[in-house]
């Protein structure tokens, strides 16, 4: 797994994305997805989060029914407890699903912004999910090379043949900087919006972004010291009660101890 600090030194792509001269509706996107069948890995991705080391995550209690000690995924909106006096970092796991095999190299990006754009700032006709981040304050916290894979022909057997185009999930960790995030919280910007994007490596190097496919936008709120009794899950709807979720270094859920998640 790769580890990235969430800070402004990780920013390279936001200004590049916003100023890319080749971004236009009739670019490399290859047609609209309006009315198209949902095909994960072909025209959209899925982004999920789970707690890992030194972390307490707050989620709506009803959403965690049936939770076991195995690795599980959390809702699209969570709150993360940040206590800078107990640990220097907390580690949150992100999982991107499903990348379908291709015969060319691609780039996977994980980015966030502190608010959303009222409309997509880059047309992405190939993607069902549209770019929701505000590129004026977006930062890229992870850039990953995705090699070509899985295109070998499969022989038939009596029960059938394997599909030569498998899908994979990518799992990686982000070290949240507990010296910077409290400053954000004190300034009133305690919520970030995360989104993943996948595009051809050749397009990325040529600053062409209209051919990328995107995940949904996930919302992460930072809260001090402990989970609140309630949290707003969706704007315009009343708060709901939350529960605390922690995990050990292997991703197994367990009890929380002083908000550390150890």
Protein backbone atom coordinates (compact mmCIF):
# COMPACT_ATOMS: atom_id res chain seq x y z
CA UNK A 1 0.00 0.00 0.00
CA UNK A 2 1.08 3.61 -0.59
CA UNK A 3 0.90 6.32 2.05
CA UNK A 4 0.26 10.02 1.37
CA UNK A 5 -0.10 12.95 3.71
CA UNK A 6 -3.09 15.12 3.03
CA UNK A 7 -1.45 18.52 2.64
CA UNK A 8 -0.90 21.21 0.03
CA UNK A 9 2.49 19.82 -1.02
CA UNK A 10 0.57 16.96 -2.64
CA UNK A 11 -1.21 19.40 -4.95
CA UNK A 12 -0.23 19.25 -8.60
CA UNK A 13 -3.30 18.35 -10.54
CA UNK A 14 -5.94 20.89 -9.52
CA UNK A 15 -4.43 23.86 -11.34
CA UNK A 16 -3.48 21.59 -14.24
CA UNK A 17 -7.01 20.24 -14.50
CA UNK A 18 -8.54 23.69 -14.34
CA UNK A 19 -6.25 25.13 -17.04
CA UNK A 20 -5.96 22.16 -19.42
CA UNK A 21 -6.52 23.66 -22.91
CA UNK A 22 -7.68 20.38 -24.45
CA UNK A 23 -10.67 19.93 -22.12
CA UNK A 24 -13.87 20.38 -24.07
CA UNK A 25 -17.09 18.46 -24.62
CA UNK A 26 -16.04 17.01 -27.96
CA UNK A 27 -12.71 15.51 -26.85
CA UNK A 28 -11.44 12.06 -26.12
CA UNK A 29 -14.48 11.07 -24.09
CA UNK A 30 -15.97 9.01 -26.88
CA UNK A 31 -19.67 9.81 -26.54
CA UNK A 32 -22.25 10.39 -23.87
CA UNK A 33 -23.29 7.95 -21.17
CA UNK A 34 -26.78 9.42 -20.89
CA UNK A 35 -29.18 6.52 -20.75
CA UNK A 36 -26.32 4.01 -20.82
CA UNK A 37 -26.28 0.88 -18.71
CA UNK A 38 -24.22 1.20 -15.55
CA UNK A 39 -20.95 -0.70 -16.00
CA UNK A 40 -18.60 -0.33 -13.05
CA UNK A 41 -15.05 -0.02 -14.29
CA UNK A 42 -16.22 0.97 -17.77
CA UNK A 43 -18.21 4.15 -17.19
CA UNK A 44 -17.89 4.72 -13.46
CA UNK A 45 -15.97 3.75 -10.31
CA UNK A 46 -16.99 3.19 -6.70
CA UNK A 47 -15.11 4.81 -3.81
CA UNK A 48 -15.34 3.37 -0.29
CA UNK A 49 -13.67 4.12 3.03
CA UNK A 50 -12.91 2.12 6.16
CA UNK A 51 -11.05 2.95 9.39
CA UNK A 52 -7.58 1.54 9.97
CA UNK A 53 -4.89 2.63 12.42
CA UNK A 54 -5.36 5.15 15.28
CA UNK A 55 -8.78 6.16 14.07
CA UNK A 56 -12.39 6.42 15.19
CA UNK A 57 -15.02 6.85 12.50
CA UNK A 58 -18.56 8.02 13.22
CA UNK A 59 -21.35 6.57 11.07
CA UNK A 60 -25.15 6.43 11.27
CA UNK A 61 -25.94 3.55 13.62
CA UNK A 62 -28.58 2.01 11.38
CA UNK A 63 -26.09 1.73 8.50
CA UNK A 64 -23.82 -0.65 10.43
CA UNK A 65 -26.39 -3.37 11.18
CA UNK A 66 -24.76 -6.81 10.94
CA UNK A 67 -21.22 -5.47 11.28
CA UNK A 68 -18.67 -8.22 11.95
CA UNK A 69 -14.96 -8.33 12.65
CA UNK A 70 -14.22 -8.66 8.94
CA UNK A 71 -13.26 -5.73 6.74
CA UNK A 72 -16.39 -3.75 5.91
CA UNK A 73 -17.13 -0.56 4.03
CA UNK A 74 -18.73 2.56 5.40
CA UNK A 75 -21.47 4.86 4.06
CA UNK A 76 -20.75 7.67 1.59
CA UNK A 77 -20.81 10.19 4.45
CA UNK A 78 -18.75 9.66 7.61
CA UNK A 79 -17.20 11.73 10.41
CA UNK A 80 -13.62 11.18 11.56
CA UNK A 81 -12.50 11.93 15.12
CA UNK A 82 -9.30 13.98 15.22
CA UNK A 83 -7.47 14.39 18.55
CA UNK A 84 -3.99 15.87 17.92
CA UNK A 85 -2.98 15.39 21.56
CA UNK A 86 -3.22 11.58 21.36
CA UNK A 87 -1.50 10.71 18.08
CA UNK A 88 0.41 12.41 15.26
CA UNK A 89 -1.52 10.69 12.51
CA UNK A 90 -4.57 8.64 11.78
CA UNK A 91 -4.84 6.23 8.89
CA UNK A 92 -7.94 5.85 6.72
CA UNK A 93 -8.25 3.17 4.04
CA UNK A 94 -9.75 3.96 0.63
CA UNK A 95 -10.94 1.30 -1.81
CA UNK A 96 -11.65 1.97 -5.49
CA UNK A 97 -13.79 -0.57 -7.39
CA UNK A 98 -13.78 -1.99 -10.03
CA UNK A 99 -11.12 -1.34 -12.62
CA UNK A 100 -11.68 -3.49 -15.67
CA UNK A 101 -8.64 -4.86 -17.47
CA UNK A 102 -7.37 -2.92 -20.47
CA UNK A 103 -4.46 -3.36 -22.88
CA UNK A 104 -3.04 0.10 -22.08
CA UNK A 105 -1.67 1.82 -18.97
CA UNK A 106 -3.85 4.12 -16.87
CA UNK A 107 -3.56 6.56 -13.99
CA UNK A 108 -5.76 6.40 -10.90
CA UNK A 109 -6.22 9.66 -8.98
CA UNK A 110 -7.68 10.29 -5.53
CA UNK A 111 -8.54 13.93 -4.90
CA UNK A 112 -10.53 16.09 -2.53
CA UNK A 113 -11.86 19.63 -2.28
CA UNK A 114 -13.28 21.65 0.58
CA UNK A 115 -16.49 22.42 -1.27
CA UNK A 116 -18.40 21.25 -4.33
CA UNK A 117 -18.81 22.92 -7.69
CA UNK A 118 -22.41 23.75 -8.70
CA UNK A 119 -21.65 22.18 -12.10
CA UNK A 120 -18.83 19.99 -13.44
CA UNK A 121 -15.75 22.04 -14.30
CA UNK A 122 -14.57 19.41 -16.78
CA UNK A 123 -16.90 17.59 -19.21
CA UNK A 124 -16.50 13.81 -18.84
CA UNK A 125 -18.91 12.26 -21.39
CA UNK A 126 -17.55 8.74 -20.84
CA UNK A 127 -18.39 8.77 -17.12
CA UNK A 128 -21.81 8.34 -15.52
CA UNK A 129 -20.53 10.06 -12.37
CA UNK A 130 -19.55 13.66 -13.03
CA UNK A 131 -16.77 15.71 -11.47
CA UNK A 132 -18.21 17.23 -8.32
CA UNK A 133 -15.07 18.74 -6.78
CA UNK A 134 -14.31 22.45 -6.87
CA UNK A 135 -11.00 22.62 -8.69
CA UNK A 136 -10.12 26.03 -7.27
CA UNK A 137 -9.26 24.39 -3.93
CA UNK A 138 -8.86 20.72 -4.91
CA UNK A 139 -5.78 18.68 -4.03
CA UNK A 140 -4.62 15.34 -5.39
CA UNK A 141 -3.57 13.12 -2.48
CA UNK A 142 -2.77 9.97 -4.45
CA UNK A 143 -1.53 9.24 -8.00
CA UNK A 144 -1.18 5.55 -8.92
CA UNK A 145 0.00 3.78 -12.06
CA UNK A 146 -2.39 1.06 -13.28
CA UNK A 147 -0.63 -1.32 -15.65
CA UNK A 148 -2.40 -3.28 -18.36
CA UNK A 149 -3.54 -6.68 -17.13
CA UNK A 150 -5.77 -9.69 -17.69
CA UNK A 151 -6.18 -9.79 -21.47
CA UNK A 152 -5.04 -13.39 -22.10
CA UNK A 153 -7.52 -15.65 -23.90
CA UNK A 154 -9.18 -18.28 -21.69
CA UNK A 155 -9.72 -21.91 -22.66
CA UNK A 156 -13.13 -23.52 -22.28
CA UNK A 157 -13.80 -26.25 -19.73
CA UNK A 158 -16.84 -28.43 -19.12
CA UNK A 159 -18.32 -25.81 -16.83
CA UNK A 160 -17.41 -22.78 -18.94
CA UNK A 161 -14.55 -20.37 -19.60
CA UNK A 162 -13.07 -17.52 -17.61
CA UNK A 163 -13.72 -13.99 -18.79
CA UNK A 164 -10.45 -12.55 -20.16
CA UNK A 165 -11.36 -9.11 -18.82
CA UNK A 166 -11.31 -9.34 -14.99
CA UNK A 167 -11.93 -6.46 -12.59
CA UNK A 168 -9.82 -5.47 -9.60
CA UNK A 169 -10.18 -3.37 -6.47
CA UNK A 170 -7.37 -1.08 -5.40
CA UNK A 171 -6.89 -0.49 -1.68
CA UNK A 172 -4.60 2.19 -0.31
CA UNK A 173 -4.14 4.15 2.90
CA UNK A 174 -4.05 7.89 3.53
CA UNK A 175 -2.25 9.27 6.59
CA UNK A 176 -4.37 12.20 7.75
CA UNK A 177 -2.20 14.99 9.16
CA UNK A 178 -3.48 15.80 12.66
CA UNK A 179 -1.45 19.02 12.77
CA UNK A 180 -3.19 20.52 9.72
CA UNK A 181 -6.74 19.22 10.02
CA UNK A 182 -7.50 20.89 13.40
CA UNK A 183 -6.56 24.20 11.75
CA UNK A 184 -9.14 23.49 9.07
CA UNK A 185 -11.71 22.66 11.74
CA UNK A 186 -11.02 25.90 13.64
CA UNK A 187 -11.49 27.90 10.45
CA UNK A 188 -14.93 26.37 9.91
CA UNK A 189 -13.92 24.13 7.00
CA UNK A 190 -14.30 20.77 8.74
CA UNK A 191 -15.74 18.88 5.76
CA UNK A 192 -14.02 17.58 2.63
CA UNK A 193 -15.34 15.84 -0.47
CA UNK A 194 -13.42 12.91 -1.96
CA UNK A 195 -13.56 11.51 -5.49
CA UNK A 196 -11.52 9.00 -7.52
CA UNK A 197 -10.77 9.22 -11.24
CA UNK A 198 -9.28 6.81 -13.78
CA UNK A 199 -7.90 7.76 -17.21
CA UNK A 200 -5.41 6.65 -19.84
CA UNK A 201 -1.81 7.37 -18.89
CA UNK A 202 -1.23 8.92 -22.31
CA UNK A 203 -4.17 11.28 -21.76
CA UNK A 204 -2.91 12.20 -18.30
CA UNK A 205 0.53 13.04 -19.68
CA UNK A 206 -1.08 15.10 -22.46
CA UNK A 207 -3.36 16.95 -19.98
CA UNK A 208 -6.50 15.48 -21.54
CA UNK A 209 -9.07 14.79 -18.83
CA UNK A 210 -12.42 14.53 -20.59
CA UNK A 211 -11.91 10.77 -21.15
CA UNK A 212 -11.69 9.88 -17.46
CA UNK A 213 -14.28 7.93 -15.48
CA UNK A 214 -15.15 8.96 -11.93
CA UNK A 215 -16.45 7.61 -8.67
CA UNK A 216 -19.29 9.12 -6.69
CA UNK A 217 -18.38 11.96 -4.32
CA UNK A 218 -17.91 10.86 -0.68
CA UNK A 219 -18.19 13.28 2.24
CA UNK A 220 -15.83 13.22 5.25
CA UNK A 221 -16.36 15.50 8.23
CA UNK A 222 -13.67 16.02 10.87
CA UNK A 223 -14.88 16.24 14.48
CA UNK A 224 -12.85 16.91 17.66
CA UNK A 225 -12.20 14.35 20.40
CA UNK A 226 -15.26 12.08 20.09
CA UNK A 227 -18.23 11.20 17.93
CA UNK A 228 -21.19 13.56 18.29
CA UNK A 229 -24.48 12.18 19.57
CA UNK A 230 -25.98 12.97 16.16
CA UNK A 231 -24.74 14.01 12.75
CA UNK A 232 -26.30 15.37 9.58
CA UNK A 233 -26.18 12.62 6.98
CA UNK A 234 -27.92 14.54 4.21
CA UNK A 235 -28.44 18.27 3.89
CA UNK A 236 -32.00 19.32 4.62
CA UNK A 237 -32.75 16.23 6.68
CA UNK A 238 -32.66 15.96 10.49
CA UNK A 239 -29.57 14.56 12.26
CA UNK A 240 -29.46 10.86 13.09
CA UNK A 241 -27.70 9.05 15.91
CA UNK A 242 -24.23 7.69 15.18
CA UNK A 243 -22.07 4.85 16.35
CA UNK A 244 -18.27 4.58 16.71
CA UNK A 245 -16.32 2.25 14.44
CA UNK A 246 -12.63 1.42 14.92
CA UNK A 247 -10.25 -1.11 13.38
CA UNK A 248 -6.86 -2.62 14.09
CA UNK A 249 -3.88 -2.60 11.71
CA UNK A 250 -5.29 -5.57 9.81
CA UNK A 251 -8.61 -3.85 9.18
CA UNK A 252 -10.56 -5.92 11.73
CA UNK A 253 -13.24 -3.98 13.54
CA UNK A 254 -13.19 -3.80 17.31
CA UNK A 255 -13.90 -1.54 20.25
CA UNK A 256 -12.63 2.02 20.42
CA UNK A 257 -10.24 3.07 23.18
CA UNK A 258 -10.06 6.79 23.98
CA UNK A 259 -10.83 7.65 20.40
CA UNK A 260 -7.63 6.08 19.08
CA UNK A 261 -9.09 3.08 17.32
CA UNK A 262 -6.22 0.85 18.44
